[in-house]
Amino acid sequence: MGLAGREGFFDNPRVDESVILAGHFAATAARAAATEGPVLVLHDTTEFSFKRTTPEAVGKLSLLKGRHARHTVCGLLLHSSLVLTTAGVPLGLAAVKFWTRKKFKGTNALKRRVNPTRVPIEQKESVRWLQNLTQSTNQLGDPSRCIHIGDRESDIFELFCAAQEAGTHFLVRTCVDRLAGRGSTTIAKKMEREPVRGSHEVEVRDDHGRTSTVRVYLRFCRMLVHPPIGKQKRYPPLALTVINADERGTPVGREPIHWRLLTDLAVEDLAAAVGKLDWYALRWKLESYHKVLKSGCQAEHARLRTAERLTNLLAVLCVVGWRVFWLTMVNRASPDAPAENVLTKPEIELLDRMAASTMPTSGMPEGTVGRYLVQIAKLGGYLARAKDPPPGTMVIWRGLARLTDMVLGFELKHTGCG
């Protein structure tokens, strides 16, 4: 299909992201309903930048100032809500929001003229956090099971109130030292008086993607947290739990861990605090999912010429990217599960025929997810040596792309064409 054909499909007035993603959202809710216990809903924003001679048709992301000229970066923003089990298996997306900044505004300059805490949330770009929380909660249909997780950008008092109104829960990393107790002290001052309750090891990643295990020391306390002064007439104080996790010493190649977590859930003992910490530590999986969209699906290489067409394309890639990420995580969480749970019958049949002419994968039972996913990863360049870690998203992506082409040719041979 040529460029005109692709643009015609994505420019069809009957095609938009809500139609494209409706089936995936419903399947996510069904997968979540089939699981037991809490489900984690990870929220975060990412940017897709594109090179265009006329950025107005796509929309501006920012304005870069160079030594001799200004350069406009155009593109789209995506705020996604990815549903996970507490074991880290991605069940799918429950909400997405695409938008573009039609006009660049100097945020720092605006802050010098207006106190941002006095601007209604409905007039801010950050309202997307509330919209996705509400949409994903309604989509999943069981608010009390949902734990909405976000980084420091989600530290929004209106978000906490929206979660309470929806009957759901949240766990966010806070960056604001709010008034606490009776209003005469702050969260930080109250936490300084709390003793260390114990320690726990968490897995973290540095700026280069390298993982390491870090021991952090925990404090936690339930307290009354007040809204910003400019919003106290609109929002009431909330009883919330604060969890502080601090790493001692100075690690090499990254900043030490100092997490300040805020949740509406009760934390009665060290085990409960550790559980919340482990949930938050899974937040990096959403960043990995966004990496699949950019590096695997190569979304930023698209040549479509308008924001509407790019949005439709990105909606399709959201589903494709989720499958790649899901296969990667299922292989790690349930390698002994039946392959029929994750692969189609033609894919399994073709992989069986290919394996018949190669050496079998040692140590993996036949017919399992682990055995077939390693074969797919080998198609993407995975060496499968004895000490190699499980295949990652990139080799799964490349292998799955090759397998899809092979399955298509395999089916065309038997059905005929023309």
Protein backbone atom coordinates (compact mmCIF):
# COMPACT_ATOMS: atom_id res chain seq x y z
CA MET A 1 0.00 0.00 0.00
CA GLY A 2 1.43 3.38 -1.00
CA LEU A 3 1.56 6.57 1.04
CA ALA A 4 -1.74 7.81 -0.36
CA GLY A 5 -3.47 4.55 0.55
CA ARG A 6 -2.18 4.57 4.10
CA GLU A 7 -3.11 8.21 4.62
CA GLY A 8 -6.55 7.52 3.13
CA PHE A 9 -7.25 4.75 5.63
CA PHE A 10 -6.11 6.72 8.68
CA ASP A 11 -7.89 9.84 7.37
CA ASN A 12 -11.22 8.02 7.06
CA PRO A 13 -13.82 9.95 9.12
CA ARG A 14 -15.15 6.62 10.45
CA VAL A 15 -11.72 5.77 11.89
CA ASP A 16 -10.56 7.28 15.18
CA GLU A 17 -8.63 6.10 18.23
CA SER A 18 -11.75 5.32 20.25
CA VAL A 19 -13.03 2.92 17.58
CA ILE A 20 -9.60 1.33 17.07
CA LEU A 21 -9.02 0.76 20.80
CA ALA A 22 -12.55 -0.14 21.94
CA GLY A 23 -12.05 -3.88 21.44
CA HIS A 24 -8.68 -3.83 23.17
CA PHE A 25 -10.10 -1.96 26.17
CA ALA A 26 -12.90 -4.54 26.48
CA ALA A 27 -10.39 -7.41 26.27
CA THR A 28 -8.26 -5.75 28.97
CA ALA A 29 -11.28 -5.57 31.28
CA ALA A 30 -12.05 -9.25 30.61
CA ARG A 31 -8.46 -10.30 31.39
CA ALA A 32 -8.51 -8.23 34.59
CA ALA A 33 -11.82 -9.80 35.65
CA ALA A 34 -10.30 -13.27 35.21
CA THR A 35 -7.53 -12.49 37.72
CA GLU A 36 -7.71 -12.40 41.49
CA GLY A 37 -6.57 -9.72 43.91
CA PRO A 38 -5.64 -6.10 43.17
CA VAL A 39 -4.84 -4.87 39.67
CA LEU A 40 -2.30 -2.11 39.15
CA VAL A 41 -3.05 0.70 36.69
CA LEU A 42 0.18 2.47 35.69
CA HIS A 43 -0.16 6.02 34.35
CA ASP A 44 2.47 8.07 32.51
CA THR A 45 3.00 10.44 29.58
CA THR A 46 5.37 10.17 26.65
CA GLU A 47 6.09 12.32 23.60
CA PHE A 48 6.31 11.32 19.94
CA SER A 49 8.33 13.84 17.97
CA PHE A 50 8.38 14.14 14.19
CA LYS A 51 10.43 16.10 11.66
CA ARG A 52 8.18 18.26 9.49
CA THR A 53 8.88 21.34 7.37
CA THR A 54 5.44 22.70 8.35
CA PRO A 55 4.77 21.61 11.96
CA GLU A 56 1.36 23.30 12.17
CA ALA A 57 -0.46 20.25 10.74
CA VAL A 58 0.92 18.05 13.51
CA GLY A 59 1.21 20.47 16.41
CA LYS A 60 4.10 21.86 18.42
CA LEU A 61 5.68 20.10 21.37
CA SER A 62 8.28 22.67 22.35
CA LEU A 63 10.58 25.39 21.10
CA LEU A 64 14.32 24.79 21.20
CA LYS A 65 16.68 27.77 21.21
CA GLY A 66 20.02 27.33 19.48
CA ARG A 67 22.94 29.69 19.06
CA HIS A 68 21.75 31.03 15.72
CA ALA A 69 18.11 30.00 15.37
CA ARG A 70 15.04 28.57 17.03
CA HIS A 71 13.87 25.08 16.17
CA THR A 72 10.28 23.93 16.61
CA VAL A 73 9.78 20.34 17.74
CA CYS A 74 6.44 19.02 16.54
CA GLY A 75 4.60 15.91 17.56
CA LEU A 76 1.97 14.30 19.76
CA LEU A 77 1.72 13.40 23.41
CA LEU A 78 0.29 10.15 24.74
CA HIS A 79 -0.95 9.59 28.27
CA SER A 80 -1.48 5.86 28.71
CA SER A 81 -2.92 3.69 31.47
CA LEU A 82 -1.47 0.17 31.47
CA VAL A 83 -3.07 -2.55 33.61
CA LEU A 84 -0.81 -5.08 35.34
CA THR A 85 -1.21 -7.94 37.74
CA THR A 86 0.73 -7.63 40.99
CA ALA A 87 3.15 -10.20 39.50
CA GLY A 88 3.95 -7.72 36.72
CA VAL A 89 2.09 -9.30 33.78
CA PRO A 90 0.58 -6.57 31.54
CA LEU A 91 -3.11 -7.19 30.90
CA GLY A 92 -3.56 -4.36 28.40
CA LEU A 93 -4.49 -0.70 28.20
CA ALA A 94 -7.56 0.65 29.97
CA ALA A 95 -7.36 4.26 28.77
CA VAL A 96 -5.28 6.47 26.49
CA LYS A 97 -5.35 10.15 25.73
CA PHE A 98 -3.66 11.74 22.71
CA TRP A 99 -3.25 15.48 22.40
CA THR A 100 -1.08 18.12 20.81
CA ARG A 101 -0.03 21.60 21.80
CA LYS A 102 -1.30 23.80 19.01
CA LYS A 103 0.56 26.77 20.42
CA PHE A 104 3.75 26.72 22.46
CA LYS A 105 3.46 28.48 25.81
CA GLY A 106 6.33 29.34 28.10
CA THR A 107 5.36 27.51 31.27
CA ASN A 108 8.11 29.08 33.36
CA ALA A 109 7.12 32.55 32.21
CA LEU A 110 3.51 31.79 33.11
CA LYS A 111 4.51 30.76 36.63
CA ARG A 112 6.04 34.19 37.20
CA ARG A 113 2.64 35.80 36.62
CA VAL A 114 0.17 33.22 37.98
CA ASN A 115 0.28 30.92 41.01
CA PRO A 116 -0.37 27.53 39.34
CA THR A 117 -2.05 26.16 42.48
CA ARG A 118 -4.84 28.72 42.03
CA VAL A 119 -5.61 27.72 38.43
CA PRO A 120 -8.54 25.24 38.21
CA ILE A 121 -7.40 21.75 37.18
CA GLU A 122 -9.88 21.82 34.28
CA GLN A 123 -7.79 24.57 32.66
CA LYS A 124 -4.50 22.67 32.96
CA GLU A 125 -2.89 20.03 30.80
CA SER A 126 -2.57 17.87 33.92
CA VAL A 127 -6.34 17.24 33.86
CA ARG A 128 -5.39 14.21 31.73
CA TRP A 129 -4.44 12.38 34.94
CA LEU A 130 -7.97 12.74 36.28
CA GLN A 131 -9.55 11.84 32.94
CA ASN A 132 -7.53 8.63 32.56
CA LEU A 133 -8.12 7.63 36.17
CA THR A 134 -11.87 7.99 35.68
CA GLN A 135 -11.93 6.28 32.27
CA SER A 136 -9.76 3.32 33.31
CA THR A 137 -11.71 2.81 36.55
CA ASN A 138 -15.02 2.78 34.67
CA GLN A 139 -13.58 0.49 31.99
CA LEU A 140 -12.33 -2.11 34.46
CA GLY A 141 -15.65 -2.03 36.33
CA ASP A 142 -14.35 -2.89 39.82
CA PRO A 143 -13.01 0.33 41.43
CA SER A 144 -12.06 -1.22 44.77
CA ARG A 145 -9.56 -3.59 43.07
CA CYS A 146 -7.75 -0.85 41.14
CA ILE A 147 -4.54 0.74 42.43
CA HIS A 148 -3.60 3.73 40.26
CA ILE A 149 0.17 4.32 40.24
CA GLY A 150 2.02 7.40 39.02
CA ASP A 151 5.33 9.21 39.31
CA ARG A 152 5.91 12.70 40.73
CA GLU A 153 3.96 14.33 37.91
CA SER A 154 0.82 12.66 39.28
CA ASP A 155 1.21 14.35 42.68
CA ILE A 156 -2.04 16.31 42.23
CA PHE A 157 -4.45 16.83 45.12
CA GLU A 158 -7.42 16.88 42.73
CA LEU A 159 -6.38 13.39 41.61
CA PHE A 160 -6.56 12.12 45.18
CA CYS A 161 -10.07 13.54 45.55
CA ALA A 162 -11.14 12.09 42.19
CA ALA A 163 -9.95 8.63 43.29
CA GLN A 164 -11.90 8.92 46.54
CA GLU A 165 -15.02 10.00 44.65
CA ALA A 166 -14.68 7.05 42.25
CA GLY A 167 -14.21 4.57 45.11
CA THR A 168 -10.78 3.52 43.84
CA HIS A 169 -7.21 3.71 45.22
CA PHE A 170 -3.93 5.40 44.34
CA LEU A 171 -0.21 5.12 45.06
CA VAL A 172 1.91 8.02 43.79
CA ARG A 173 5.37 9.39 44.32
CA THR A 174 4.98 12.79 45.95
CA CYS A 175 7.13 15.87 45.33
CA VAL A 176 5.12 18.45 47.31
CA ASP A 177 5.62 18.95 51.04
CA ARG A 178 2.00 19.66 51.97
CA LEU A 179 0.52 20.86 55.24
CA ALA A 180 -0.31 17.96 57.54
CA GLY A 181 -2.00 17.17 60.84
CA ARG A 182 -3.88 20.21 62.11
CA GLY A 183 -2.23 22.38 59.48
CA SER A 184 0.59 23.74 61.62
CA THR A 185 3.24 21.30 60.36
CA THR A 186 4.22 19.57 57.12
CA ILE A 187 4.53 15.99 55.88
CA ALA A 188 8.33 16.14 55.93
CA LYS A 189 8.49 17.36 59.54
CA LYS A 190 6.11 14.65 60.72
CA MET A 191 8.08 11.94 58.90
CA GLU A 192 11.36 13.11 60.49
CA ARG A 193 9.97 12.03 63.84
CA GLU A 194 9.02 8.56 62.61
CA PRO A 195 11.43 5.68 63.38
CA VAL A 196 12.84 3.34 60.74
CA ARG A 197 10.53 0.30 60.67
CA GLY A 198 12.78 -1.99 58.61
CA SER A 199 14.50 -2.42 55.25
CA HIS A 200 13.72 -3.98 51.89
CA GLU A 201 15.47 -4.66 48.57
CA VAL A 202 14.07 -3.25 45.33
CA GLU A 203 15.23 -3.47 41.72
CA VAL A 204 16.02 -0.13 40.07
CA ARG A 205 17.36 1.04 36.72
CA ASP A 206 19.91 3.74 36.04
CA ASP A 207 19.90 6.22 33.15
CA HIS A 208 21.52 3.62 30.87
CA GLY A 209 18.91 0.93 31.55
CA ARG A 210 21.14 -1.18 33.79
CA THR A 211 19.34 -2.89 36.65
CA SER A 212 20.62 -3.31 40.18
CA THR A 213 19.24 -4.36 43.57
CA VAL A 214 19.10 -1.63 46.19
CA ARG A 215 18.38 -1.84 49.92
CA VAL A 216 16.14 0.92 51.20
CA TYR A 217 15.03 1.77 54.74
CA LEU A 218 11.36 2.41 55.41
CA ARG A 219 9.32 4.83 57.48
CA PHE A 220 5.54 5.12 57.25
CA CYS A 221 2.78 7.02 58.97
CA ARG A 222 -0.95 7.75 58.56
CA MET A 223 -1.79 11.46 58.72
CA LEU A 224 -4.24 14.15 57.64
CA VAL A 225 -3.00 15.88 54.46
CA HIS A 226 -4.34 19.31 53.48
CA PRO A 227 -4.92 20.70 49.96
CA PRO A 228 -3.03 23.82 48.74
CA ILE A 229 -4.12 26.99 50.50
CA GLY A 230 -5.72 28.36 47.33
CA LYS A 231 -7.93 25.26 47.02
CA GLN A 232 -8.95 24.60 50.61
CA LYS A 233 -12.45 25.97 50.01
CA ARG A 234 -13.01 23.47 47.19
CA TYR A 235 -11.30 20.31 48.48
CA PRO A 236 -11.29 18.77 51.98
CA PRO A 237 -8.22 17.36 53.79
CA LEU A 238 -7.69 13.63 53.31
CA ALA A 239 -6.42 10.89 55.62
CA LEU A 240 -3.47 9.40 53.70
CA THR A 241 -0.47 7.14 54.35
CA VAL A 242 3.05 8.44 53.70
CA ILE A 243 5.84 5.92 53.00
CA ASN A 244 9.47 7.04 52.88
CA ALA A 245 12.09 4.72 51.34
CA ASP A 246 15.71 5.88 51.56
CA GLU A 247 18.93 4.36 50.29
CA ARG A 248 22.05 4.93 52.35
CA GLY A 249 25.37 5.86 50.82
CA THR A 250 26.20 7.26 47.40
CA PRO A 251 25.83 4.77 44.52
CA VAL A 252 27.96 4.99 41.37
CA GLY A 253 26.32 6.12 38.13
CA ARG A 254 22.95 7.23 39.53
CA GLU A 255 21.24 9.23 42.21
CA PRO A 256 20.45 7.45 45.51
CA ILE A 257 16.88 6.28 46.03
CA HIS A 258 14.73 8.65 48.07
CA TRP A 259 11.12 7.73 47.38
CA ARG A 260 8.26 9.61 49.05
CA LEU A 261 5.07 7.66 48.38
CA LEU A 262 1.52 8.76 49.13
CA THR A 263 -1.49 6.42 49.19
CA ASP A 264 -5.03 6.29 50.49
CA LEU A 265 -4.49 2.64 51.49
CA ALA A 266 -3.86 1.77 55.11
CA VAL A 267 -0.37 0.49 56.02
CA GLU A 268 -0.38 -1.24 59.38
CA ASP A 269 2.99 -3.00 59.38
CA LEU A 270 6.28 -3.45 57.53
CA ALA A 271 4.91 -6.19 55.26
CA ALA A 272 2.14 -3.88 54.03
CA ALA A 273 4.65 -1.07 53.40
CA VAL A 274 6.92 -3.45 51.47
CA GLY A 275 3.96 -4.53 49.35
CA LYS A 276 3.22 -0.94 48.35
CA LEU A 277 6.89 -0.36 47.59
CA ASP A 278 7.00 -3.41 45.32
CA TRP A 279 3.90 -2.16 43.47
CA TYR A 280 5.49 1.22 42.83
CA ALA A 281 8.73 -0.46 41.71
CA LEU A 282 6.75 -1.99 38.81
CA ARG A 283 6.15 1.48 37.35
CA TRP A 284 9.19 1.13 35.05
CA LYS A 285 7.22 -1.41 33.02
CA LEU A 286 5.17 1.40 31.51
CA GLU A 287 8.37 3.12 30.41
CA SER A 288 9.44 -0.17 28.79
CA TYR A 289 6.09 -0.32 26.99
CA HIS A 290 6.60 3.20 25.63
CA LYS A 291 10.08 2.12 24.48
CA VAL A 292 8.49 -0.71 22.49
CA LEU A 293 6.26 1.82 20.71
CA LYS A 294 9.22 4.01 19.79
CA SER A 295 12.11 1.58 19.24
CA GLY A 296 10.21 -1.53 18.13
CA CYS A 297 7.20 -0.11 16.32
CA GLN A 298 9.31 2.89 15.23
CA ALA A 299 6.30 5.16 15.68
CA GLU A 300 8.39 8.34 15.28
CA HIS A 301 9.44 7.27 11.75
CA ALA A 302 5.86 7.61 10.46
CA ARG A 303 5.43 10.00 7.54
CA LEU A 304 1.72 10.73 7.94
CA ARG A 305 1.12 14.45 7.63
CA THR A 306 -1.56 15.42 10.16
CA ALA A 307 -2.11 14.95 13.88
CA GLU A 308 -5.39 13.10 13.25
CA ARG A 309 -3.78 10.51 10.98
CA LEU A 310 -0.83 10.03 13.30
CA THR A 311 -3.18 9.56 16.24
CA ASN A 312 -4.99 6.73 14.44
CA LEU A 313 -1.69 5.08 13.53
CA LEU A 314 -0.44 5.33 17.12
CA ALA A 315 -3.69 3.77 18.36
CA VAL A 316 -3.02 0.73 16.16
CA LEU A 317 0.59 0.55 17.35
CA CYS A 318 -0.59 0.70 20.98
CA VAL A 319 -2.24 -2.70 20.52
CA VAL A 320 0.69 -4.17 18.57
CA GLY A 321 3.18 -2.87 21.14
CA TRP A 322 1.15 -4.28 24.00
CA ARG A 323 1.25 -7.77 22.48
CA VAL A 324 5.04 -7.63 22.17
CA PHE A 325 5.39 -6.43 25.76
CA TRP A 326 2.84 -8.96 27.01
CA LEU A 327 4.65 -11.88 25.38
CA THR A 328 7.93 -10.74 26.92
CA MET A 329 6.48 -10.52 30.44
CA VAL A 330 4.38 -13.71 30.22
CA ASN A 331 7.53 -15.60 29.25
CA ARG A 332 9.13 -14.46 32.51
CA ALA A 333 6.10 -14.86 34.78
CA SER A 334 4.58 -18.11 33.42
CA PRO A 335 7.07 -19.89 31.12
CA ASP A 336 5.40 -23.28 31.72
CA ALA A 337 1.92 -22.12 30.62
CA PRO A 338 0.47 -23.68 27.44
CA ALA A 339 1.61 -21.92 24.27
CA GLU A 340 -2.00 -21.79 23.03
CA ASN A 341 -2.63 -19.09 25.65
CA VAL A 342 -0.47 -16.57 23.81
CA LEU A 343 0.07 -17.75 20.21
CA THR A 344 -2.27 -18.56 17.34
CA LYS A 345 -2.54 -22.03 15.84
CA PRO A 346 -0.75 -21.04 12.57
CA GLU A 347 2.11 -19.47 14.56
CA ILE A 348 2.56 -22.63 16.64
CA GLU A 349 2.38 -24.89 13.57
CA LEU A 350 5.00 -22.89 11.71
CA LEU A 351 7.34 -22.75 14.71
CA ASP A 352 6.98 -26.54 15.09
CA ARG A 353 7.99 -27.06 11.45
CA MET A 354 10.99 -24.76 11.86
CA ALA A 355 12.08 -26.49 15.10
CA ALA A 356 11.98 -29.90 13.43
CA SER A 357 15.08 -29.00 11.41
CA THR A 358 17.01 -27.45 14.31
CA MET A 359 18.33 -28.58 17.66
CA PRO A 360 15.62 -28.63 20.36
CA THR A 361 15.62 -26.00 23.10
CA SER A 362 17.10 -27.79 26.11
CA GLY A 363 15.52 -27.60 29.54
CA MET A 364 12.12 -26.39 28.35
CA PRO A 365 9.07 -28.69 28.19
CA GLU A 366 7.38 -29.06 24.83
CA GLY A 367 4.26 -27.02 24.16
CA THR A 368 5.05 -24.30 26.71
CA VAL A 369 5.21 -20.54 26.40
CA GLY A 370 8.90 -20.51 27.31
CA ARG A 371 9.89 -22.93 24.56
CA TYR A 372 8.07 -21.07 21.78
CA LEU A 373 9.03 -17.58 22.94
CA VAL A 374 12.71 -18.53 22.86
CA GLN A 375 12.23 -19.72 19.26
CA ILE A 376 10.61 -16.39 18.38
CA ALA A 377 13.42 -14.50 20.12
CA LYS A 378 16.00 -16.47 18.11
CA LEU A 379 14.36 -15.16 14.94
CA GLY A 380 15.11 -11.69 16.33
CA GLY A 381 18.76 -12.38 17.10
CA TYR A 382 18.57 -13.91 20.58
CA LEU A 383 21.45 -16.37 21.12
CA ALA A 384 19.82 -18.42 23.92
CA ARG A 385 23.09 -19.26 25.63
CA ALA A 386 22.99 -20.97 29.00
CA LYS A 387 23.76 -17.83 31.02
CA ASP A 388 21.80 -15.36 28.89
CA PRO A 389 18.93 -13.51 30.62
CA PRO A 390 15.38 -14.06 29.34
CA PRO A 391 14.73 -12.45 25.93
CA GLY A 392 13.80 -8.78 26.05
CA THR A 393 11.23 -6.74 24.16
CA MET A 394 13.48 -5.84 21.22
CA VAL A 395 14.40 -9.40 20.21
CA ILE A 396 10.78 -10.49 20.76
CA TRP A 397 9.65 -7.60 18.54
CA ARG A 398 12.08 -8.44 15.73
CA GLY A 399 11.32 -12.16 15.97
CA LEU A 400 7.57 -11.61 16.00
CA ALA A 401 7.82 -9.32 12.95
CA ARG A 402 9.66 -12.06 11.04
CA LEU A 403 7.23 -14.71 12.23
CA THR A 404 4.25 -12.64 11.06
CA ASP A 405 5.73 -12.39 7.56
CA MET A 406 6.39 -16.14 7.53
CA VAL A 407 2.85 -16.96 8.66
CA LEU A 408 1.43 -14.71 5.95
CA GLY A 409 3.48 -16.46 3.26
CA PHE A 410 2.62 -19.86 4.75
CA GLU A 411 -1.12 -19.12 4.58
CA LEU A 412 -0.95 -17.61 1.08
CA LYS A 413 0.72 -20.78 -0.22
CA HIS A 414 -2.21 -22.89 0.95
CA THR A 415 -5.06 -20.53 0.07
CA GLY A 416 -3.73 -19.27 -3.22
CA CYS A 417 -4.18 -15.77 -4.59
CA GLY A 418 -5.12 -14.07 -7.85
